[in-house]
């Protein structure tokens, strides 16, 4: 199944590239393929989540996944920021700056999530320390 999922992902990427490539030169095809790449994404997403639900795929430690996701989104932000520094038309520059803002917002959300998780972990740790060795009260 893993080989098939990898192939589905490759097909999705190629269909998306074809869709994007035809925006200016073949608008009829471009319009018709919007739902196609969205459908392929939904297929990959649905299969992936079902595999996790059924414990067919093991996951890395949650902390690693959260940090890895943050790092990837932060890298996307860095790439977009470097693209802004290139000489672009005003329209492209505005688009890239808007996308930078979107990704920065996502980075902020992920940072907040990471901080909340750290705070909860610290609170749990403190509670364990406070209750460890305590003599239970009898009612």
C-alpha atoms as a PDB file:
ATOM      1  CA  UNK A   1       0.000   0.000   0.000  1.00  0.00           C
ATOM      2  CA  UNK A   2       2.871   2.390   0.788  1.00  0.00           C
ATOM      3  CA  UNK A   3       4.067   2.203  -2.816  1.00  0.00           C
ATOM      4  CA  UNK A   4       0.573   3.037  -4.059  1.00  0.00           C
ATOM      5  CA  UNK A   5       0.263   6.019  -1.686  1.00  0.00           C
ATOM      6  CA  UNK A   6       3.604   7.322  -2.888  1.00  0.00           C
ATOM      7  CA  UNK A   7       2.405   6.986  -6.493  1.00  0.00           C
ATOM      8  CA  UNK A   8      -0.906   8.728  -5.678  1.00  0.00           C
ATOM      9  CA  UNK A   9       1.051  11.597  -4.156  1.00  0.00           C
ATOM     10  CA  UNK A  10       3.211  11.843  -7.286  1.00  0.00           C
ATOM     11  CA  UNK A  11       0.083  11.825  -9.479  1.00  0.00           C
ATOM     12  CA  UNK A  12      -1.461  14.585  -7.362  1.00  0.00           C
ATOM     13  CA  UNK A  13       1.671  16.723  -7.706  1.00  0.00           C
ATOM     14  CA  UNK A  14       1.800  16.243 -11.487  1.00  0.00           C
ATOM     15  CA  UNK A  15      -1.916  16.996 -11.943  1.00  0.00           C
ATOM     16  CA  UNK A  16      -1.484  20.154  -9.850  1.00  0.00           C
ATOM     17  CA  UNK A  17       1.520  21.188 -11.969  1.00  0.00           C
ATOM     18  CA  UNK A  18      -0.455  20.591 -15.172  1.00  0.00           C
ATOM     19  CA  UNK A  19      -3.354  22.607 -13.772  1.00  0.00           C
ATOM     20  CA  UNK A  20      -1.083  25.534 -12.907  1.00  0.00           C
ATOM     21  CA  UNK A  21       0.766  25.387 -16.232  1.00  0.00           C
ATOM     22  CA  UNK A  22      -2.455  25.795 -18.194  1.00  0.00           C
ATOM     23  CA  UNK A  23      -3.793  28.898 -16.399  1.00  0.00           C
ATOM     24  CA  UNK A  24      -2.829  31.349 -19.152  1.00  0.00           C
ATOM     25  CA  UNK A  25      -2.595  29.136 -22.205  1.00  0.00           C
ATOM     26  CA  UNK A  26      -5.490  26.694 -21.896  1.00  0.00           C
ATOM     27  CA  UNK A  27      -8.116  28.169 -19.603  1.00  0.00           C
ATOM     28  CA  UNK A  28     -10.823  25.611 -20.422  1.00  0.00           C
ATOM     29  CA  UNK A  29      -8.608  22.747 -19.258  1.00  0.00           C
ATOM     30  CA  UNK A  30      -7.463  24.803 -16.261  1.00  0.00           C
ATOM     31  CA  UNK A  31     -11.047  25.314 -15.102  1.00  0.00           C
ATOM     32  CA  UNK A  32     -11.924  21.628 -15.535  1.00  0.00           C
ATOM     33  CA  UNK A  33      -8.931  20.349 -13.568  1.00  0.00           C
ATOM     34  CA  UNK A  34      -9.442  22.419 -10.418  1.00  0.00           C
ATOM     35  CA  UNK A  35     -11.792  19.838  -8.964  1.00  0.00           C
ATOM     36  CA  UNK A  36      -9.483  17.050 -10.167  1.00  0.00           C
ATOM     37  CA  UNK A  37      -6.476  18.026  -8.060  1.00  0.00           C
ATOM     38  CA  UNK A  38      -8.752  18.803  -5.098  1.00  0.00           C
ATOM     39  CA  UNK A  39     -10.301  15.333  -5.419  1.00  0.00           C
ATOM     40  CA  UNK A  40      -6.866  13.702  -5.558  1.00  0.00           C
ATOM     41  CA  UNK A  41      -5.803  15.611  -2.435  1.00  0.00           C
ATOM     42  CA  UNK A  42      -8.977  14.460  -0.637  1.00  0.00           C
ATOM     43  CA  UNK A  43      -8.251  10.850  -1.633  1.00  0.00           C
ATOM     44  CA  UNK A  44      -4.691  10.952  -0.291  1.00  0.00           C
ATOM     45  CA  UNK A  45      -5.791  12.753   2.872  1.00  0.00           C
ATOM     46  CA  UNK A  46      -8.680  10.349   3.547  1.00  0.00           C
ATOM     47  CA  UNK A  47      -6.571   7.225   3.041  1.00  0.00           C
ATOM     48  CA  UNK A  48      -3.775   8.629   5.197  1.00  0.00           C
ATOM     49  CA  UNK A  49      -6.099   9.481   8.078  1.00  0.00           C
ATOM     50  CA  UNK A  50      -7.884   6.118   7.867  1.00  0.00           C
ATOM     51  CA  UNK A  51      -4.525   4.319   8.052  1.00  0.00           C
ATOM     52  CA  UNK A  52      -3.709   6.228  11.240  1.00  0.00           C
ATOM     53  CA  UNK A  53      -7.196   5.536  12.665  1.00  0.00           C
ATOM     54  CA  UNK A  54      -6.657   1.818  12.059  1.00  0.00           C
ATOM     55  CA  UNK A  55      -3.130   1.957  13.511  1.00  0.00           C
ATOM     56  CA  UNK A  56      -1.704   0.780  10.171  1.00  0.00           C
ATOM     57  CA  UNK A  57       0.824   3.599  10.287  1.00  0.00           C
ATOM     58  CA  UNK A  58       2.847   4.326  13.359  1.00  0.00           C
ATOM     59  CA  UNK A  59       3.703   7.909  14.138  1.00  0.00           C
ATOM     60  CA  UNK A  60       6.812   9.467  15.537  1.00  0.00           C
ATOM     61  CA  UNK A  61       6.725  10.934  18.986  1.00  0.00           C
ATOM     62  CA  UNK A  62       4.099  13.704  19.072  1.00  0.00           C
ATOM     63  CA  UNK A  63       6.604  16.324  20.204  1.00  0.00           C
ATOM     64  CA  UNK A  64       8.821  15.522  17.217  1.00  0.00           C
ATOM     65  CA  UNK A  65       5.903  15.790  14.795  1.00  0.00           C
ATOM     66  CA  UNK A  66       4.805  19.154  16.185  1.00  0.00           C
ATOM     67  CA  UNK A  67       8.317  20.609  16.048  1.00  0.00           C
ATOM     68  CA  UNK A  68       8.934  19.135  12.585  1.00  0.00           C
ATOM     69  CA  UNK A  69       5.697  20.696  11.306  1.00  0.00           C
ATOM     70  CA  UNK A  70       6.660  24.066  12.754  1.00  0.00           C
ATOM     71  CA  UNK A  71      10.133  23.820  11.186  1.00  0.00           C
ATOM     72  CA  UNK A  72       8.672  22.989   7.758  1.00  0.00           C
ATOM     73  CA  UNK A  73       6.176  25.862   7.852  1.00  0.00           C
ATOM     74  CA  UNK A  74       8.932  28.204   9.051  1.00  0.00           C
ATOM     75  CA  UNK A  75      11.080  27.033   6.123  1.00  0.00           C
ATOM     76  CA  UNK A  76       8.190  27.779   3.735  1.00  0.00           C
ATOM     77  CA  UNK A  77       8.025  31.283   5.238  1.00  0.00           C
ATOM     78  CA  UNK A  78      11.773  31.743   4.703  1.00  0.00           C
ATOM     79  CA  UNK A  79      11.448  30.629   1.079  1.00  0.00           C
ATOM     80  CA  UNK A  80       8.579  33.057   0.476  1.00  0.00           C
ATOM     81  CA  UNK A  81      10.559  35.886   2.093  1.00  0.00           C
ATOM     82  CA  UNK A  82      13.498  35.159  -0.193  1.00  0.00           C
ATOM     83  CA  UNK A  83      11.144  35.201  -3.174  1.00  0.00           C
ATOM     84  CA  UNK A  84       9.937  38.674  -2.115  1.00  0.00           C
ATOM     85  CA  UNK A  85      13.548  39.899  -2.297  1.00  0.00           C
ATOM     86  CA  UNK A  86      13.746  38.895  -5.960  1.00  0.00           C
ATOM     87  CA  UNK A  87      12.737  41.444  -8.565  1.00  0.00           C
ATOM     88  CA  UNK A  88       9.046  40.846  -9.108  1.00  0.00           C
ATOM     89  CA  UNK A  89       6.183  42.665 -10.702  1.00  0.00           C
ATOM     90  CA  UNK A  90       4.065  44.657  -8.281  1.00  0.00           C
ATOM     91  CA  UNK A  91       1.285  42.071  -8.523  1.00  0.00           C
ATOM     92  CA  UNK A  92       3.631  39.157  -7.751  1.00  0.00           C
ATOM     93  CA  UNK A  93       5.284  41.102  -4.941  1.00  0.00           C
ATOM     94  CA  UNK A  94       1.901  41.835  -3.344  1.00  0.00           C
ATOM     95  CA  UNK A  95       0.867  38.181  -3.692  1.00  0.00           C
ATOM     96  CA  UNK A  96       4.093  36.941  -2.093  1.00  0.00           C
ATOM     97  CA  UNK A  97       3.849  39.426   0.772  1.00  0.00           C
ATOM     98  CA  UNK A  98       0.264  38.326   1.419  1.00  0.00           C
ATOM     99  CA  UNK A  99       1.344  34.686   1.407  1.00  0.00           C
ATOM    100  CA  UNK A 100       4.193  35.535   3.803  1.00  0.00           C
ATOM    101  CA  UNK A 101       1.620  37.030   6.164  1.00  0.00           C
ATOM    102  CA  UNK A 102      -0.515  33.867   5.930  1.00  0.00           C
ATOM    103  CA  UNK A 103       2.422  31.590   6.652  1.00  0.00           C
ATOM    104  CA  UNK A 104       3.619  33.858   9.472  1.00  0.00           C
ATOM    105  CA  UNK A 105       0.161  33.501  11.005  1.00  0.00           C
ATOM    106  CA  UNK A 106       0.431  29.712  10.750  1.00  0.00           C
ATOM    107  CA  UNK A 107       3.878  29.847  12.371  1.00  0.00           C
ATOM    108  CA  UNK A 108       2.401  31.918  15.187  1.00  0.00           C
ATOM    109  CA  UNK A 109      -0.409  29.413  15.680  1.00  0.00           C
ATOM    110  CA  UNK A 110       2.067  26.547  15.806  1.00  0.00           C
ATOM    111  CA  UNK A 111       4.362  28.431  18.217  1.00  0.00           C
ATOM    112  CA  UNK A 112       1.374  29.104  20.483  1.00  0.00           C
ATOM    113  CA  UNK A 113       0.407  25.432  20.347  1.00  0.00           C
ATOM    114  CA  UNK A 114       3.957  24.373  21.247  1.00  0.00           C
ATOM    115  CA  UNK A 115       4.031  26.820  24.166  1.00  0.00           C
ATOM    116  CA  UNK A 116       0.638  25.629  25.436  1.00  0.00           C
ATOM    117  CA  UNK A 117       1.820  22.039  25.300  1.00  0.00           C
ATOM    118  CA  UNK A 118       5.004  22.932  27.204  1.00  0.00           C
ATOM    119  CA  UNK A 119       2.979  24.776  29.850  1.00  0.00           C
ATOM    120  CA  UNK A 120       0.593  21.836  30.263  1.00  0.00           C
ATOM    121  CA  UNK A 121       3.536  19.444  30.539  1.00  0.00           C
ATOM    122  CA  UNK A 122       5.160  21.618  33.207  1.00  0.00           C
ATOM    123  CA  UNK A 123       1.884  21.856  35.156  1.00  0.00           C
ATOM    124  CA  UNK A 124       1.473  18.070  35.040  1.00  0.00           C
ATOM    125  CA  UNK A 125       5.049  17.633  36.181  1.00  0.00           C
ATOM    126  CA  UNK A 126       4.525  20.052  39.089  1.00  0.00           C
ATOM    127  CA  UNK A 127       1.325  18.278  40.101  1.00  0.00           C
ATOM    128  CA  UNK A 128       3.099  14.918  40.058  1.00  0.00           C
ATOM    129  CA  UNK A 129       5.922  16.327  42.182  1.00  0.00           C
ATOM    130  CA  UNK A 130       3.501  17.896  44.674  1.00  0.00           C
ATOM    131  CA  UNK A 131       1.427  14.727  45.075  1.00  0.00           C
ATOM    132  CA  UNK A 132       4.366  12.343  45.089  1.00  0.00           C
ATOM    133  CA  UNK A 133       4.996  11.198  48.610  1.00  0.00           C
ATOM    134  CA  UNK A 134       1.924  12.929  49.964  1.00  0.00           C
ATOM    135  CA  UNK A 135      -0.049  10.903  52.451  1.00  0.00           C
ATOM    136  CA  UNK A 136      -3.575  10.391  51.177  1.00  0.00           C
ATOM    137  CA  UNK A 137      -6.259  11.778  53.458  1.00  0.00           C
ATOM    138  CA  UNK A 138      -8.881   9.398  54.737  1.00  0.00           C
ATOM    139  CA  UNK A 139     -12.461  10.519  54.502  1.00  0.00           C
END
